[in-house]
Amino acid sequence: MKDKMTRLAIVVPCYNEREVLPEACARLTALLERLHRAGKITADSRAYLVDDGSTDTTWSLIAGFVSAGLPVVGIKLSRNRGHQNAVLAGLFCAAGDAVVSVDADLQDDLEAIEKMLDQLRDGCEIVYGVRKRRHTDSVFKRLTAESFYRLLAVLGAQTVFNHADYRLMSRRAVEALREFREVNLYLRGIVPLIGFRSAIVEYERSARYAGESKYPLKKMLALALDAVTSFSIVPLRLISLLGLLVFAGSMAVTIWALWVALFTDDAIPGWASVVLPMYFLGGVQLLALGVIGEYLGKLYVETKSRPRYFIEQVIGESSTDSARLQSVLASAGHASLGAIR
């Protein structure tokens, strides 16, 4: 890497991003041009815009960028498959020595990509973009996000604190990522499992440039649930510990109840000490069944091994890259050969 320029691919998942996409494309294009002039990336470096089943004019904008001759490749998924699958589709389709994934909302500082390239040239295979501060987040989001990262650490999952999906991966790291077959994706937990030499680049996170966040509380909670159940069995062990504690408590209450019944005159029919433990045990059992059911549900989905996404169309690839991409998609069963132009 030290003796030659890097062919860079920047993967940008897009879902209903018509308000911000023109500015995002302008900044990405300017960045690619500046890095090329600086001798850090090749002239055929590209931004890969992945349309995750948008219902607005996002795909039309992407097609317009390609028609205008900008260094952009458009990838259209057949339907909305979620942020993590859109990122994965871009990583696997992109051609280049290094691939950077970044959101379209312009909150992540694009200038950090140059520092990531420097780390790549120093021998790192994976470079994580980490936020210095979360001052642009609401108090609620900041507290819940930081608590979530700490919870994952306690549960034993390997994560990078305050890192989202802004990262650089070498070609070797991307190929290693292909070996992970999970359907329930949490890339922030999967990528550290690859284990190649890594580094961290800190940056200041800005407010969203335009439009609304595509990660409301419902999606954040779903992602957190996927993270916990995909990377830790601690909740199952906690159920066992809880069951042991409840058993010990129940035995203590039973001994106490027998003592009251046999050696005192205070026993009353329908005593609350009988009714309350019954309700308590019932609640614990339902909680335990719910947690076990969540893990079984994940196992059920993983066992079916359904495709994570289908690619409907790819535009803007060169003839050489089109041949490579046709081979990749055909082997994966993600698109017909006529879907690429």
Protein backbone atom coordinates (compact mmCIF):
# COMPACT_ATOMS: atom_id res chain seq x y z
CA MET A 1 0.00 0.00 0.00
CA LYS A 2 2.90 2.37 0.65
CA ASP A 3 4.20 2.17 -2.92
CA LYS A 4 1.02 2.78 -4.85
CA MET A 5 -2.16 4.79 -4.79
CA THR A 6 -5.27 3.20 -3.30
CA ARG A 7 -8.37 2.52 -5.32
CA LEU A 8 -11.04 3.75 -2.91
CA ALA A 9 -14.74 2.88 -2.80
CA ILE A 10 -17.07 4.86 -0.54
CA VAL A 11 -20.31 3.00 0.23
CA VAL A 12 -23.30 5.18 1.14
CA PRO A 13 -26.62 3.50 2.11
CA CYS A 14 -29.56 5.70 1.10
CA TYR A 15 -33.18 5.46 2.22
CA ASN A 16 -35.44 8.37 1.26
CA GLU A 17 -32.52 10.81 1.22
CA ARG A 18 -33.63 13.22 -1.52
CA GLU A 19 -33.15 16.28 0.74
CA VAL A 20 -29.53 15.55 1.56
CA LEU A 21 -28.29 13.45 -1.36
CA PRO A 22 -27.31 16.29 -3.76
CA GLU A 23 -25.10 17.90 -1.10
CA ALA A 24 -23.71 14.52 -0.04
CA CYS A 25 -22.81 13.68 -3.64
CA ALA A 26 -21.17 17.08 -4.14
CA ARG A 27 -19.01 16.63 -1.02
CA LEU A 28 -18.08 13.06 -1.91
CA THR A 29 -17.12 14.06 -5.44
CA ALA A 30 -15.01 16.95 -4.16
CA LEU A 31 -13.31 14.64 -1.64
CA LEU A 32 -12.46 12.03 -4.28
CA GLU A 33 -11.04 14.70 -6.56
CA ARG A 34 -8.93 16.25 -3.78
CA LEU A 35 -7.57 12.89 -2.62
CA HIS A 36 -6.69 11.99 -6.21
CA ARG A 37 -4.84 15.28 -6.72
CA ALA A 38 -2.97 14.59 -3.49
CA GLY A 39 -1.81 11.27 -4.94
CA LYS A 40 -3.58 9.14 -2.33
CA ILE A 41 -6.26 7.44 -4.45
CA THR A 42 -6.60 6.38 -8.07
CA ALA A 43 -8.67 8.16 -10.69
CA ASP A 44 -11.16 5.27 -10.86
CA SER A 45 -12.15 5.57 -7.19
CA ARG A 46 -15.91 5.77 -6.81
CA ALA A 47 -18.78 6.50 -4.43
CA TYR A 48 -21.31 3.64 -4.33
CA LEU A 49 -24.79 4.93 -3.52
CA VAL A 50 -27.04 2.06 -2.38
CA ASP A 51 -30.76 2.75 -2.69
CA ASP A 52 -32.41 0.70 0.07
CA GLY A 53 -35.88 0.56 -1.48
CA SER A 54 -36.56 4.29 -1.21
CA THR A 55 -40.09 5.54 -1.92
CA ASP A 56 -39.07 9.09 -2.88
CA THR A 57 -36.87 10.31 -5.75
CA THR A 58 -33.59 8.98 -4.31
CA TRP A 59 -32.98 6.54 -7.18
CA SER A 60 -33.77 9.17 -9.80
CA LEU A 61 -31.18 11.45 -8.22
CA ILE A 62 -28.59 8.66 -8.22
CA ALA A 63 -29.31 7.89 -11.87
CA GLY A 64 -28.89 11.60 -12.63
CA PHE A 65 -25.49 11.67 -10.95
CA VAL A 66 -24.36 8.71 -13.06
CA SER A 67 -25.71 10.27 -16.28
CA ALA A 68 -23.83 13.49 -15.47
CA GLY A 69 -20.57 11.55 -15.48
CA LEU A 70 -19.84 11.92 -11.77
CA PRO A 71 -17.64 9.26 -10.09
CA VAL A 72 -20.73 7.49 -8.76
CA VAL A 73 -22.06 3.94 -9.01
CA GLY A 74 -25.74 3.35 -8.22
CA ILE A 75 -26.94 0.13 -6.63
CA LYS A 76 -30.67 -0.41 -6.29
CA LEU A 77 -32.00 -3.07 -3.92
CA SER A 78 -35.27 -4.76 -4.89
CA ARG A 79 -36.94 -3.61 -1.66
CA ASN A 80 -36.16 -2.06 1.68
CA ARG A 81 -33.89 -4.43 3.59
CA GLY A 82 -32.62 -2.15 6.33
CA HIS A 83 -29.48 -0.13 6.91
CA GLN A 84 -27.18 -3.04 7.78
CA ASN A 85 -28.09 -5.05 4.68
CA ALA A 86 -27.70 -1.96 2.48
CA VAL A 87 -24.21 -1.39 3.87
CA LEU A 88 -23.35 -5.05 3.30
CA ALA A 89 -24.61 -4.96 -0.29
CA GLY A 90 -22.40 -1.96 -1.00
CA LEU A 91 -19.34 -3.52 0.64
CA PHE A 92 -19.68 -6.72 -1.39
CA CYS A 93 -20.39 -4.97 -4.70
CA ALA A 94 -17.78 -2.22 -4.47
CA ALA A 95 -14.52 -2.57 -6.38
CA GLY A 96 -11.40 -1.20 -4.76
CA ASP A 97 -8.39 -1.78 -2.55
CA ALA A 98 -10.23 -0.19 0.37
CA VAL A 99 -13.91 0.38 1.11
CA VAL A 100 -15.30 3.07 3.41
CA SER A 101 -18.90 2.92 4.63
CA VAL A 102 -20.54 6.19 5.68
CA ASP A 103 -24.13 7.41 6.09
CA ALA A 104 -25.68 9.89 3.68
CA ASP A 105 -26.79 12.37 6.35
CA LEU A 106 -23.38 14.13 6.43
CA GLN A 107 -23.11 13.83 10.21
CA ASP A 108 -19.85 11.90 9.89
CA ASP A 109 -16.90 14.10 8.95
CA LEU A 110 -15.79 13.01 5.46
CA GLU A 111 -12.37 14.58 6.01
CA ALA A 112 -11.61 11.71 8.41
CA ILE A 113 -11.35 9.41 5.36
CA GLU A 114 -7.92 10.88 4.54
CA LYS A 115 -6.71 9.92 8.03
CA MET A 116 -8.17 6.44 7.53
CA LEU A 117 -6.18 6.09 4.29
CA ASP A 118 -3.03 7.08 6.17
CA GLN A 119 -3.68 4.29 8.67
CA LEU A 120 -4.25 1.88 5.76
CA ARG A 121 -0.89 2.82 4.30
CA ASP A 122 0.67 2.13 7.69
CA GLY A 123 -0.58 -1.45 7.54
CA CYS A 124 -3.99 -1.37 9.23
CA GLU A 125 -6.71 -3.50 7.61
CA ILE A 126 -9.67 -1.94 9.46
CA VAL A 127 -9.96 1.68 10.61
CA TYR A 128 -12.88 2.68 12.85
CA GLY A 129 -14.33 6.17 12.80
CA VAL A 130 -15.09 7.09 16.42
CA ARG A 131 -16.98 10.15 17.58
CA LYS A 132 -15.07 12.41 19.95
CA ARG A 133 -18.29 13.74 21.46
CA ARG A 134 -22.04 13.30 21.09
CA HIS A 135 -22.89 16.96 21.62
CA THR A 136 -25.23 17.04 18.61
CA ASP A 137 -27.40 14.25 20.06
CA SER A 138 -30.29 14.81 22.42
CA VAL A 139 -29.69 14.01 26.08
CA PHE A 140 -31.92 10.94 25.78
CA LYS A 141 -30.13 9.58 22.71
CA ARG A 142 -26.69 10.26 24.17
CA LEU A 143 -27.48 8.49 27.45
CA THR A 144 -29.16 5.51 25.80
CA ALA A 145 -26.45 5.09 23.15
CA GLU A 146 -23.56 5.23 25.61
CA SER A 147 -25.40 2.94 28.03
CA PHE A 148 -25.94 0.50 25.17
CA TYR A 149 -22.22 0.34 24.32
CA ARG A 150 -21.38 -0.21 27.99
CA LEU A 151 -24.04 -2.93 28.25
CA LEU A 152 -22.56 -4.77 25.26
CA ALA A 153 -19.13 -4.61 26.89
CA VAL A 154 -20.53 -6.06 30.11
CA LEU A 155 -22.23 -8.84 28.15
CA GLY A 156 -18.94 -9.76 26.51
CA ALA A 157 -19.55 -8.51 22.96
CA GLN A 158 -16.56 -7.00 21.14
CA THR A 159 -17.48 -3.47 20.12
CA VAL A 160 -15.71 -0.14 19.63
CA PHE A 161 -17.16 2.51 21.95
CA ASN A 162 -18.99 5.33 20.13
CA HIS A 163 -18.38 3.73 16.73
CA ALA A 164 -21.34 3.38 14.39
CA ASP A 165 -20.84 2.20 10.78
CA TYR A 166 -18.24 4.72 9.66
CA ARG A 167 -15.16 2.61 8.94
CA LEU A 168 -12.54 1.71 6.35
CA MET A 169 -11.93 -1.92 5.44
CA SER A 170 -9.18 -3.28 3.23
CA ARG A 171 -10.05 -5.66 0.40
CA ARG A 172 -8.77 -8.56 2.51
CA ALA A 173 -11.03 -7.54 5.41
CA VAL A 174 -14.08 -7.28 3.11
CA GLU A 175 -13.39 -10.74 1.71
CA ALA A 176 -13.10 -12.07 5.27
CA LEU A 177 -16.46 -10.46 6.07
CA ARG A 178 -18.06 -12.58 3.32
CA GLU A 179 -17.44 -15.64 5.47
CA PHE A 180 -19.95 -14.45 8.07
CA ARG A 181 -23.37 -15.81 7.14
CA GLU A 182 -25.61 -14.18 9.76
CA VAL A 183 -29.04 -13.08 8.61
CA ASN A 184 -29.55 -10.94 11.74
CA LEU A 185 -26.84 -8.39 11.03
CA TYR A 186 -25.01 -6.19 13.49
CA LEU A 187 -21.89 -5.12 11.61
CA ARG A 188 -20.48 -3.15 14.55
CA GLY A 189 -20.13 -6.44 16.36
CA ILE A 190 -19.17 -8.64 13.40
CA VAL A 191 -16.30 -6.53 12.00
CA PRO A 192 -14.20 -6.62 15.22
CA LEU A 193 -14.41 -10.43 15.08
CA ILE A 194 -12.35 -10.41 11.85
CA GLY A 195 -9.32 -9.66 13.99
CA PHE A 196 -6.95 -8.00 11.51
CA ARG A 197 -4.78 -5.09 12.58
CA SER A 198 -7.02 -2.11 13.28
CA ALA A 199 -6.86 1.54 14.30
CA ILE A 200 -9.18 4.32 15.43
CA VAL A 201 -9.66 7.75 13.87
CA GLU A 202 -11.58 10.27 15.96
CA TYR A 203 -13.77 12.95 14.41
CA GLU A 204 -16.37 15.54 15.36
CA ARG A 205 -19.92 14.53 14.52
CA SER A 206 -22.16 17.23 13.05
CA ALA A 207 -25.90 17.71 13.09
CA ARG A 208 -27.86 16.12 10.26
CA TYR A 209 -27.58 18.29 7.12
CA ALA A 210 -31.24 17.95 6.06
CA GLY A 211 -34.26 15.69 6.38
CA GLU A 212 -35.21 13.43 9.27
CA SER A 213 -33.28 10.62 10.92
CA LYS A 214 -33.88 7.22 9.35
CA TYR A 215 -33.14 5.55 12.69
CA PRO A 216 -36.09 6.29 14.99
CA LEU A 217 -36.37 4.77 18.47
CA LYS A 218 -38.13 1.64 17.16
CA LYS A 219 -35.27 0.80 14.77
CA MET A 220 -32.66 1.63 17.40
CA LEU A 221 -34.28 -0.80 19.84
CA ALA A 222 -34.49 -3.50 17.15
CA LEU A 223 -30.80 -3.05 16.35
CA ALA A 224 -29.91 -3.21 20.05
CA LEU A 225 -31.90 -6.42 20.44
CA ASP A 226 -30.12 -7.95 17.45
CA ALA A 227 -26.77 -6.92 18.93
CA VAL A 228 -27.43 -8.48 22.34
CA THR A 229 -28.97 -11.73 21.11
CA SER A 230 -26.45 -12.19 18.28
CA PHE A 231 -23.28 -11.70 20.30
CA SER A 232 -23.97 -12.73 23.89
CA ILE A 233 -25.53 -15.64 25.76
CA VAL A 234 -25.25 -13.79 29.06
CA PRO A 235 -29.05 -13.18 29.21
CA LEU A 236 -29.57 -16.96 29.14
CA ARG A 237 -27.08 -17.39 31.95
CA LEU A 238 -28.79 -14.63 33.92
CA ILE A 239 -32.03 -16.59 33.62
CA SER A 240 -30.30 -19.58 35.21
CA LEU A 241 -28.97 -17.38 38.00
CA LEU A 242 -32.38 -15.79 38.49
CA GLY A 243 -33.97 -19.23 38.62
CA LEU A 244 -31.47 -20.29 41.31
CA LEU A 245 -32.17 -17.17 43.39
CA VAL A 246 -35.94 -17.58 43.06
CA PHE A 247 -35.64 -21.26 44.06
CA ALA A 248 -33.64 -20.31 47.14
CA GLY A 249 -36.13 -17.59 48.04
CA SER A 250 -39.06 -19.94 47.52
CA MET A 251 -37.45 -22.56 49.77
CA ALA A 252 -36.95 -19.93 52.47
CA VAL A 253 -40.60 -18.82 52.22
CA THR A 254 -41.73 -22.46 52.33
CA ILE A 255 -39.74 -23.17 55.49
CA TRP A 256 -41.10 -20.00 57.05
CA ALA A 257 -44.68 -20.91 56.11
CA LEU A 258 -44.26 -24.40 57.59
CA TRP A 259 -42.87 -22.92 60.79
CA VAL A 260 -45.82 -20.55 61.10
CA ALA A 261 -48.32 -23.35 60.39
CA LEU A 262 -46.79 -25.92 62.74
CA PHE A 263 -45.50 -23.88 65.65
CA THR A 264 -47.65 -20.74 65.85
CA ASP A 265 -51.32 -19.79 65.78
CA ASP A 266 -50.86 -17.02 63.20
CA ALA A 267 -51.61 -19.06 60.06
CA ILE A 268 -54.59 -17.65 58.12
CA PRO A 269 -56.35 -19.46 55.23
CA GLY A 270 -55.48 -17.84 51.89
CA TRP A 271 -52.42 -16.26 53.36
CA ALA A 272 -50.70 -13.74 51.09
CA SER A 273 -47.39 -15.53 51.52
CA VAL A 274 -48.81 -18.30 49.34
CA VAL A 275 -50.49 -16.11 46.73
CA LEU A 276 -47.68 -13.59 46.21
CA PRO A 277 -44.93 -16.17 45.53
CA MET A 278 -47.23 -17.79 42.95
CA TYR A 279 -47.57 -14.53 41.04
CA PHE A 280 -43.85 -13.83 41.38
CA LEU A 281 -42.87 -17.24 40.07
CA GLY A 282 -45.35 -16.91 37.20
CA GLY A 283 -43.82 -13.58 36.18
CA VAL A 284 -40.29 -14.97 36.32
CA GLN A 285 -41.31 -17.94 34.20
CA LEU A 286 -42.89 -15.72 31.55
CA LEU A 287 -39.80 -13.49 31.49
CA ALA A 288 -37.55 -16.52 31.09
CA LEU A 289 -39.70 -17.94 28.31
CA GLY A 290 -39.64 -14.57 26.54
CA VAL A 291 -35.84 -14.36 26.56
CA ILE A 292 -35.47 -17.98 25.46
CA GLY A 293 -38.09 -17.40 22.77
CA GLU A 294 -36.12 -14.43 21.41
CA TYR A 295 -33.02 -16.61 21.00
CA LEU A 296 -35.07 -19.42 19.44
CA GLY A 297 -36.60 -16.92 17.02
CA LYS A 298 -33.14 -15.79 15.94
CA LEU A 299 -32.11 -19.42 15.51
CA TYR A 300 -35.24 -20.07 13.43
CA VAL A 301 -34.47 -17.18 11.07
CA GLU A 302 -30.80 -18.12 10.76
CA THR A 303 -31.64 -21.77 10.03
CA LYS A 304 -33.80 -20.82 7.03
CA SER A 305 -30.81 -18.92 5.56
CA ARG A 306 -32.93 -16.67 3.36
CA PRO A 307 -31.01 -14.20 1.14
CA ARG A 308 -30.18 -10.97 2.94
CA TYR A 309 -30.96 -8.80 -0.08
CA PHE A 310 -31.54 -8.83 -3.84
CA ILE A 311 -29.98 -6.30 -6.19
CA GLU A 312 -32.37 -5.04 -8.84
CA GLN A 313 -30.03 -2.79 -10.79
CA VAL A 314 -26.48 -1.47 -10.86
CA ILE A 315 -25.53 1.57 -12.95
CA GLY A 316 -22.26 3.38 -13.53
CA GLU A 317 -19.78 0.47 -13.40
CA SER A 318 -16.98 0.22 -15.95
CA SER A 319 -16.96 -2.76 -18.33
CA THR A 320 -14.20 -4.48 -16.35
CA ASP A 321 -15.97 -3.99 -13.02
CA SER A 322 -19.28 -5.03 -14.56
CA ALA A 323 -17.81 -8.39 -15.52
CA ARG A 324 -16.46 -8.84 -12.00
CA LEU A 325 -19.76 -7.81 -10.44
CA GLN A 326 -21.76 -10.08 -12.73
CA SER A 327 -19.67 -13.01 -11.56
CA VAL A 328 -20.13 -12.05 -7.90
CA LEU A 329 -23.88 -11.58 -8.17
CA ALA A 330 -24.40 -14.70 -10.25
CA SER A 331 -22.54 -16.85 -7.74
CA ALA A 332 -24.52 -15.29 -4.89
CA GLY A 333 -27.84 -15.44 -6.71
CA HIS A 334 -28.56 -11.78 -5.99
CA ALA A 335 -29.27 -10.44 -9.48
CA SER A 336 -29.67 -11.42 -13.07
CA LEU A 337 -26.81 -10.63 -15.43
CA GLY A 338 -28.94 -8.11 -17.31
CA ALA A 339 -29.40 -5.98 -14.22
CA ILE A 340 -26.01 -4.30 -14.63
CA ARG A 341 -25.28 -1.52 -17.07
